């Protein structure tokens, strides 16, 4: 059986996530994504996700995130 995530080319992966912010993190962003290489370390992916959140919410906004799809090889239509 073919593994569509592992067998796809390493570049241009898409990780989708939502960020939570506000008092007690009760507010949620829309689904956000970052483009990255499959060989990126977890730390590098975390930095890219934090950077994307900072673009959307601003540098001073405390937030956390939840990954919905990790390293999908193709863009997920919305």
PDB file of N, CA and C in Angstrom:
ATOM      1  N   UNK A   1       0.851  -1.178   0.000  1.00  0.00           N
ATOM      2  CA  UNK A   1       0.000   0.000   0.000  1.00  0.00           C
ATOM      3  C   UNK A   1       0.894   1.238   0.000  1.00  0.00           C
ATOM      4  N   UNK A   2       0.583   2.194  -0.828  1.00  0.00           N
ATOM      5  CA  UNK A   2       1.374   3.406  -0.980  1.00  0.00           C
ATOM      6  C   UNK A   2       1.015   4.398   0.116  1.00  0.00           C
ATOM      7  N   UNK A   3       2.020   5.031   0.692  1.00  0.00           N
ATOM      8  CA  UNK A   3       1.810   6.073   1.696  1.00  0.00           C
ATOM      9  C   UNK A   3       1.928   7.416   0.988  1.00  0.00           C
ATOM     10  N   UNK A   4       0.812   8.087   0.757  1.00  0.00           N
ATOM     11  CA  UNK A   4       0.818   9.306  -0.057  1.00  0.00           C
ATOM     12  C   UNK A   4       1.591  10.433   0.612  1.00  0.00           C
ATOM     13  N   UNK A   5       1.739  10.411   1.932  1.00  0.00           N
ATOM     14  CA  UNK A   5       2.516  11.459   2.600  1.00  0.00           C
ATOM     15  C   UNK A   5       4.004  11.177   2.468  1.00  0.00           C
ATOM     16  N   UNK A   6       4.426   9.954   2.750  1.00  0.00           N
ATOM     17  CA  UNK A   6       5.856   9.637   2.713  1.00  0.00           C
ATOM     18  C   UNK A   6       6.408   9.503   1.303  1.00  0.00           C
ATOM     19  N   UNK A   7       5.587   9.073   0.351  1.00  0.00           N
ATOM     20  CA  UNK A   7       6.074   8.852  -1.012  1.00  0.00           C
ATOM     21  C   UNK A   7       6.089  10.117  -1.870  1.00  0.00           C
ATOM     22  N   UNK A   8       5.457  11.168  -1.417  1.00  0.00           N
ATOM     23  CA  UNK A   8       5.421  12.409  -2.191  1.00  0.00           C
ATOM     24  C   UNK A   8       6.771  13.124  -2.072  1.00  0.00           C
ATOM     25  N   UNK A   9       7.079  14.013  -3.021  1.00  0.00           N
ATOM     26  CA  UNK A   9       8.343  14.763  -2.929  1.00  0.00           C
ATOM     27  C   UNK A   9       8.442  15.512  -1.592  1.00  0.00           C
ATOM     28  N   UNK A  10       9.660  15.735  -1.135  1.00  0.00           N
ATOM     29  CA  UNK A  10       9.890  16.351   0.171  1.00  0.00           C
ATOM     30  C   UNK A  10       9.526  17.826   0.238  1.00  0.00           C
ATOM     31  N   UNK A  11       9.652  18.527  -0.852  1.00  0.00           N
ATOM     32  CA  UNK A  11       9.414  19.974  -0.817  1.00  0.00           C
ATOM     33  C   UNK A  11       7.926  20.310  -0.912  1.00  0.00           C
ATOM     34  N   UNK A  12       7.622  21.536  -0.576  1.00  0.00           N
ATOM     35  CA  UNK A  12       6.264  22.076  -0.699  1.00  0.00           C
ATOM     36  C   UNK A  12       5.222  21.287   0.072  1.00  0.00           C
ATOM     37  N   UNK A  13       5.486  21.044   1.348  1.00  0.00           N
ATOM     38  CA  UNK A  13       4.483  20.456   2.222  1.00  0.00           C
ATOM     39  C   UNK A  13       3.656  21.574   2.834  1.00  0.00           C
ATOM     40  N   UNK A  14       2.459  21.248   3.254  1.00  0.00           N
ATOM     41  CA  UNK A  14       1.554  22.245   3.830  1.00  0.00           C
ATOM     42  C   UNK A  14       1.032  21.732   5.166  1.00  0.00           C
ATOM     43  N   UNK A  15       1.293  22.473   6.222  1.00  0.00           N
ATOM     44  CA  UNK A  15       0.761  22.138   7.531  1.00  0.00           C
ATOM     45  C   UNK A  15      -0.318  23.151   7.860  1.00  0.00           C
ATOM     46  N   UNK A  16      -1.474  22.653   8.269  1.00  0.00           N
ATOM     47  CA  UNK A  16      -2.643  23.487   8.570  1.00  0.00           C
ATOM     48  C   UNK A  16      -2.880  23.486  10.068  1.00  0.00           C
ATOM     49  N   UNK A  17      -3.246  24.649  10.600  1.00  0.00           N
ATOM     50  CA  UNK A  17      -3.438  24.786  12.042  1.00  0.00           C
ATOM     51  C   UNK A  17      -4.398  25.929  12.333  1.00  0.00           C
ATOM     52  N   UNK A  18      -4.901  25.967  13.542  1.00  0.00           N
ATOM     53  CA  UNK A  18      -5.655  27.117  14.047  1.00  0.00           C
ATOM     54  C   UNK A  18      -4.909  27.637  15.261  1.00  0.00           C
ATOM     55  N   UNK A  19      -4.964  28.939  15.456  1.00  0.00           N
ATOM     56  CA  UNK A  19      -4.345  29.571  16.624  1.00  0.00           C
ATOM     57  C   UNK A  19      -5.447  30.015  17.573  1.00  0.00           C
ATOM     58  N   UNK A  20      -5.173  29.895  18.849  1.00  0.00           N
ATOM     59  CA  UNK A  20      -6.102  30.324  19.899  1.00  0.00           C
ATOM     60  C   UNK A  20      -5.480  31.490  20.640  1.00  0.00           C
ATOM     61  N   UNK A  21      -6.285  32.499  20.953  1.00  0.00           N
ATOM     62  CA  UNK A  21      -5.780  33.706  21.600  1.00  0.00           C
ATOM     63  C   UNK A  21      -6.894  34.329  22.424  1.00  0.00           C
ATOM     64  N   UNK A  22      -6.600  35.436  23.089  1.00  0.00           N
ATOM     65  CA  UNK A  22      -7.596  36.108  23.921  1.00  0.00           C
ATOM     66  C   UNK A  22      -7.582  35.553  25.329  1.00  0.00           C
ATOM     67  N   UNK A  23      -8.463  36.094  26.173  1.00  0.00           N
ATOM     68  CA  UNK A  23      -8.534  35.654  27.558  1.00  0.00           C
ATOM     69  C   UNK A  23      -8.841  34.159  27.603  1.00  0.00           C
ATOM     70  N   UNK A  24      -7.986  33.417  28.284  1.00  0.00           N
ATOM     71  CA  UNK A  24      -8.114  31.958  28.382  1.00  0.00           C
ATOM     72  C   UNK A  24      -8.107  31.279  27.012  1.00  0.00           C
ATOM     73  N   UNK A  25      -7.560  31.943  26.017  1.00  0.00           N
ATOM     74  CA  UNK A  25      -7.424  31.400  24.656  1.00  0.00           C
ATOM     75  C   UNK A  25      -8.751  30.908  24.082  1.00  0.00           C
ATOM     76  N   UNK A  26      -9.830  31.657  24.333  1.00  0.00           N
ATOM     77  CA  UNK A  26     -11.154  31.236  23.872  1.00  0.00           C
ATOM     78  C   UNK A  26     -11.454  31.678  22.436  1.00  0.00           C
ATOM     79  N   UNK A  27     -10.654  32.576  21.873  1.00  0.00           N
ATOM     80  CA  UNK A  27     -10.871  32.995  20.487  1.00  0.00           C
ATOM     81  C   UNK A  27      -9.996  32.178  19.557  1.00  0.00           C
ATOM     82  N   UNK A  28     -10.484  31.981  18.319  1.00  0.00           N
ATOM     83  CA  UNK A  28      -9.802  31.112  17.375  1.00  0.00           C
ATOM     84  C   UNK A  28      -9.665  31.813  16.035  1.00  0.00           C
ATOM     85  N   UNK A  29      -8.526  31.658  15.398  1.00  0.00           N
ATOM     86  CA  UNK A  29      -8.345  32.181  14.051  1.00  0.00           C
ATOM     87  C   UNK A  29      -9.025  31.257  13.052  1.00  0.00           C
ATOM     88  N   UNK A  30      -9.062  31.686  11.819  1.00  0.00           N
ATOM     89  CA  UNK A  30      -9.453  30.792  10.730  1.00  0.00           C
ATOM     90  C   UNK A  30      -8.346  29.744  10.583  1.00  0.00           C
ATOM     91  N   UNK A  31      -8.547  28.771   9.735  1.00  0.00           N
ATOM     92  CA  UNK A  31      -7.500  27.786   9.476  1.00  0.00           C
ATOM     93  C   UNK A  31      -6.366  28.490   8.733  1.00  0.00           C
ATOM     94  N   UNK A  32      -5.169  28.369   9.267  1.00  0.00           N
ATOM     95  CA  UNK A  32      -3.971  28.961   8.671  1.00  0.00           C
ATOM     96  C   UNK A  32      -3.085  27.836   8.156  1.00  0.00           C
ATOM     97  N   UNK A  33      -2.155  28.169   7.269  1.00  0.00           N
ATOM     98  CA  UNK A  33      -1.216  27.155   6.819  1.00  0.00           C
ATOM     99  C   UNK A  33       0.174  27.744   6.667  1.00  0.00           C
ATOM    100  N   UNK A  34       1.160  26.872   6.676  1.00  0.00           N
ATOM    101  CA  UNK A  34       2.540  27.231   6.364  1.00  0.00           C
ATOM    102  C   UNK A  34       3.056  26.230   5.345  1.00  0.00           C
ATOM    103  N   UNK A  35       3.874  26.724   4.443  1.00  0.00           N
ATOM    104  CA  UNK A  35       4.500  25.871   3.442  1.00  0.00           C
ATOM    105  C   UNK A  35       5.908  25.565   3.925  1.00  0.00           C
ATOM    106  N   UNK A  36       6.318  24.313   3.824  1.00  0.00           N
ATOM    107  CA  UNK A  36       7.635  23.935   4.316  1.00  0.00           C
ATOM    108  C   UNK A  36       8.100  22.657   3.639  1.00  0.00           C
ATOM    109  N   UNK A  37       9.339  22.312   3.886  1.00  0.00           N
ATOM    110  CA  UNK A  37       9.930  21.075   3.372  1.00  0.00           C
ATOM    111  C   UNK A  37       9.677  19.950   4.369  1.00  0.00           C
ATOM    112  N   UNK A  38       9.440  18.749   3.890  1.00  0.00           N
ATOM    113  CA  UNK A  38       9.156  17.609   4.762  1.00  0.00           C
ATOM    114  C   UNK A  38      10.322  17.291   5.698  1.00  0.00           C
ATOM    115  N   UNK A  39      11.526  17.633   5.278  1.00  0.00           N
ATOM    116  CA  UNK A  39      12.699  17.346   6.100  1.00  0.00           C
ATOM    117  C   UNK A  39      12.952  18.408   7.165  1.00  0.00           C
ATOM    118  N   UNK A  40      12.130  19.449   7.232  1.00  0.00           N
ATOM    119  CA  UNK A  40      12.275  20.450   8.293  1.00  0.00           C
ATOM    120  C   UNK A  40      12.127  19.776   9.653  1.00  0.00           C
ATOM    121  N   UNK A  41      12.920  20.221  10.599  1.00  0.00           N
ATOM    122  CA  UNK A  41      12.805  19.688  11.955  1.00  0.00           C
ATOM    123  C   UNK A  41      11.525  20.202  12.608  1.00  0.00           C
ATOM    124  N   UNK A  42      11.123  19.565  13.689  1.00  0.00           N
ATOM    125  CA  UNK A  42       9.956  20.024  14.447  1.00  0.00           C
ATOM    126  C   UNK A  42      10.184  21.455  14.934  1.00  0.00           C
ATOM    127  N   UNK A  43      11.405  21.752  15.349  1.00  0.00           N
ATOM    128  CA  UNK A  43      11.715  23.103  15.819  1.00  0.00           C
ATOM    129  C   UNK A  43      11.550  24.121  14.697  1.00  0.00           C
ATOM    130  N   UNK A  44      12.039  23.790  13.488  1.00  0.00           N
ATOM    131  CA  UNK A  44      11.899  24.709  12.350  1.00  0.00           C
ATOM    132  C   UNK A  44      10.432  24.909  11.990  1.00  0.00           C
ATOM    133  N   UNK A  45       9.657  23.836  12.026  1.00  0.00           N
ATOM    134  CA  UNK A  45       8.231  23.950  11.731  1.00  0.00           C
ATOM    135  C   UNK A  45       7.543  24.818  12.782  1.00  0.00           C
ATOM    136  N   UNK A  46       7.895  24.644  14.045  1.00  0.00           N
ATOM    137  CA  UNK A  46       7.325  25.463  15.113  1.00  0.00           C
ATOM    138  C   UNK A  46       7.636  26.942  14.869  1.00  0.00           C
ATOM    139  N   UNK A  47       8.869  27.263  14.496  1.00  0.00           N
ATOM    140  CA  UNK A  47       9.249  28.654  14.223  1.00  0.00           C
ATOM    141  C   UNK A  47       8.419  29.210  13.067  1.00  0.00           C
ATOM    142  N   UNK A  48       8.208  28.428  12.019  1.00  0.00           N
ATOM    143  CA  UNK A  48       7.409  28.883  10.874  1.00  0.00           C
ATOM    144  C   UNK A  48       5.950  29.100  11.281  1.00  0.00           C
ATOM    145  N   UNK A  49       5.416  28.206  12.109  1.00  0.00           N
ATOM    146  CA  UNK A  49       4.038  28.376  12.579  1.00  0.00           C
ATOM    147  C   UNK A  49       3.927  29.623  13.439  1.00  0.00           C
ATOM    148  N   UNK A  50       4.870  29.824  14.372  1.00  0.00           N
ATOM    149  CA  UNK A  50       4.842  31.016  15.237  1.00  0.00           C
ATOM    150  C   UNK A  50       4.960  32.290  14.391  1.00  0.00           C
ATOM    151  N   UNK A  51       5.785  32.269  13.374  1.00  0.00           N
ATOM    152  CA  UNK A  51       5.940  33.428  12.494  1.00  0.00           C
ATOM    153  C   UNK A  51       4.625  33.740  11.780  1.00  0.00           C
ATOM    154  N   UNK A  52       3.954  32.700  11.298  1.00  0.00           N
ATOM    155  CA  UNK A  52       2.661  32.893  10.616  1.00  0.00           C
ATOM    156  C   UNK A  52       1.617  33.456  11.580  1.00  0.00           C
ATOM    157  N   UNK A  53       1.586  32.938  12.811  1.00  0.00           N
ATOM    158  CA  UNK A  53       0.660  33.464  13.812  1.00  0.00           C
ATOM    159  C   UNK A  53       0.963  34.932  14.087  1.00  0.00           C
ATOM    160  N   UNK A  54       2.242  35.276  14.198  1.00  0.00           N
ATOM    161  CA  UNK A  54       2.622  36.671  14.441  1.00  0.00           C
ATOM    162  C   UNK A  54       2.176  37.573  13.291  1.00  0.00           C
ATOM    163  N   UNK A  55       2.219  37.080  12.052  1.00  0.00           N
ATOM    164  CA  UNK A  55       1.733  37.859  10.900  1.00  0.00           C
ATOM    165  C   UNK A  55       0.254  38.178  11.060  1.00  0.00           C
ATOM    166  N   UNK A  56      -0.507  37.210  11.542  1.00  0.00           N
ATOM    167  CA  UNK A  56      -1.963  37.348  11.633  1.00  0.00           C
ATOM    168  C   UNK A  56      -2.382  38.115  12.896  1.00  0.00           C
ATOM    169  N   UNK A  57      -1.804  37.758  14.035  1.00  0.00           N
ATOM    170  CA  UNK A  57      -2.257  38.324  15.309  1.00  0.00           C
ATOM    171  C   UNK A  57      -1.372  39.440  15.846  1.00  0.00           C
ATOM    172  N   UNK A  58      -0.146  39.537  15.395  1.00  0.00           N
ATOM    173  CA  UNK A  58       0.790  40.516  15.930  1.00  0.00           C
ATOM    174  C   UNK A  58       1.748  39.863  16.910  1.00  0.00           C
ATOM    175  N   UNK A  59       2.917  40.446  17.041  1.00  0.00           N
ATOM    176  CA  UNK A  59       3.981  39.860  17.854  1.00  0.00           C
ATOM    177  C   UNK A  59       3.650  39.763  19.331  1.00  0.00           C
ATOM    178  N   UNK A  60       2.850  40.678  19.845  1.00  0.00           N
ATOM    179  CA  UNK A  60       2.610  40.746  21.283  1.00  0.00           C
ATOM    180  C   UNK A  60       1.385  39.964  21.745  1.00  0.00           C
ATOM    181  N   UNK A  61       0.739  39.236  20.853  1.00  0.00           N
ATOM    182  CA  UNK A  61      -0.484  38.514  21.214  1.00  0.00           C
ATOM    183  C   UNK A  61      -0.154  37.115  21.720  1.00  0.00           C
ATOM    184  N   UNK A  62      -0.413  36.839  22.996  1.00  0.00           N
ATOM    185  CA  UNK A  62      -0.196  35.472  23.484  1.00  0.00           C
ATOM    186  C   UNK A  62      -1.130  34.507  22.751  1.00  0.00           C
ATOM    187  N   UNK A  63      -0.600  33.385  22.337  1.00  0.00           N
ATOM    188  CA  UNK A  63      -1.411  32.434  21.584  1.00  0.00           C
ATOM    189  C   UNK A  63      -0.820  31.037  21.696  1.00  0.00           C
ATOM    190  N   UNK A  64      -1.623  30.060  21.329  1.00  0.00           N
ATOM    191  CA  UNK A  64      -1.176  28.691  21.189  1.00  0.00           C
ATOM    192  C   UNK A  64      -1.802  28.179  19.889  1.00  0.00           C
ATOM    193  N   UNK A  65      -1.427  26.988  19.463  1.00  0.00           N
ATOM    194  CA  UNK A  65      -1.983  26.494  18.205  1.00  0.00           C
ATOM    195  C   UNK A  65      -2.255  25.003  18.271  1.00  0.00           C
ATOM    196  N   UNK A  66      -3.102  24.572  17.347  1.00  0.00           N
ATOM    197  CA  UNK A  66      -3.454  23.161  17.221  1.00  0.00           C
ATOM    198  C   UNK A  66      -3.309  22.781  15.748  1.00  0.00           C
ATOM    199  N   UNK A  67      -2.475  21.799  15.463  1.00  0.00           N
ATOM    200  CA  UNK A  67      -2.255  21.358  14.087  1.00  0.00           C
ATOM    201  C   UNK A  67      -3.410  20.456  13.651  1.00  0.00           C
ATOM    202  N   UNK A  68      -3.976  20.772  12.488  1.00  0.00           N
ATOM    203  CA  UNK A  68      -5.072  19.983  11.925  1.00  0.00           C
ATOM    204  C   UNK A  68      -4.571  18.965  10.895  1.00  0.00           C
ATOM    205  N   UNK A  69      -3.584  19.358  10.103  1.00  0.00           N
ATOM    206  CA  UNK A  69      -3.011  18.466   9.093  1.00  0.00           C
ATOM    207  C   UNK A  69      -1.514  18.744   9.034  1.00  0.00           C
ATOM    208  N   UNK A  70      -0.711  17.708   9.227  1.00  0.00           N
ATOM    209  CA  UNK A  70       0.736  17.860   9.294  1.00  0.00           C
ATOM    210  C   UNK A  70       1.393  17.399   8.003  1.00  0.00           C
ATOM    211  N   UNK A  71       2.078  18.315   7.333  1.00  0.00           N
ATOM    212  CA  UNK A  71       2.899  18.007   6.157  1.00  0.00           C
ATOM    213  C   UNK A  71       2.126  17.366   5.022  1.00  0.00           C
ATOM    214  N   UNK A  72       0.941  17.856   4.744  1.00  0.00           N
ATOM    215  CA  UNK A  72       0.159  17.352   3.610  1.00  0.00           C
ATOM    216  C   UNK A  72       0.935  17.655   2.317  1.00  0.00           C
ATOM    217  N   UNK A  73       1.041  16.696   1.401  1.00  0.00           N
ATOM    218  CA  UNK A  73       1.815  16.913   0.190  1.00  0.00           C
ATOM    219  C   UNK A  73       1.133  17.809  -0.852  1.00  0.00           C
ATOM    220  N   UNK A  74      -0.161  18.034  -0.704  1.00  0.00           N
ATOM    221  CA  UNK A  74      -0.889  18.887  -1.643  1.00  0.00           C
ATOM    222  C   UNK A  74      -1.729  19.894  -0.864  1.00  0.00           C
ATOM    223  N   UNK A  75      -2.031  20.996  -1.518  1.00  0.00           N
ATOM    224  CA  UNK A  75      -2.881  22.010  -0.894  1.00  0.00           C
ATOM    225  C   UNK A  75      -4.268  21.418  -0.661  1.00  0.00           C
ATOM    226  N   UNK A  76      -4.805  21.637   0.529  1.00  0.00           N
ATOM    227  CA  UNK A  76      -6.152  21.176   0.847  1.00  0.00           C
ATOM    228  C   UNK A  76      -7.118  22.279   0.428  1.00  0.00           C
ATOM    229  N   UNK A  77      -8.068  22.008  -0.451  1.00  0.00           N
ATOM    230  CA  UNK A  77      -9.005  23.055  -0.867  1.00  0.00           C
ATOM    231  C   UNK A  77      -9.895  23.487   0.299  1.00  0.00           C
ATOM    232  N   UNK A  78     -10.154  24.782   0.371  1.00  0.00           N
ATOM    233  CA  UNK A  78     -11.027  25.289   1.434  1.00  0.00           C
ATOM    234  C   UNK A  78     -12.335  25.765   0.881  1.00  0.00           C
TER     235      UNK A  78
END
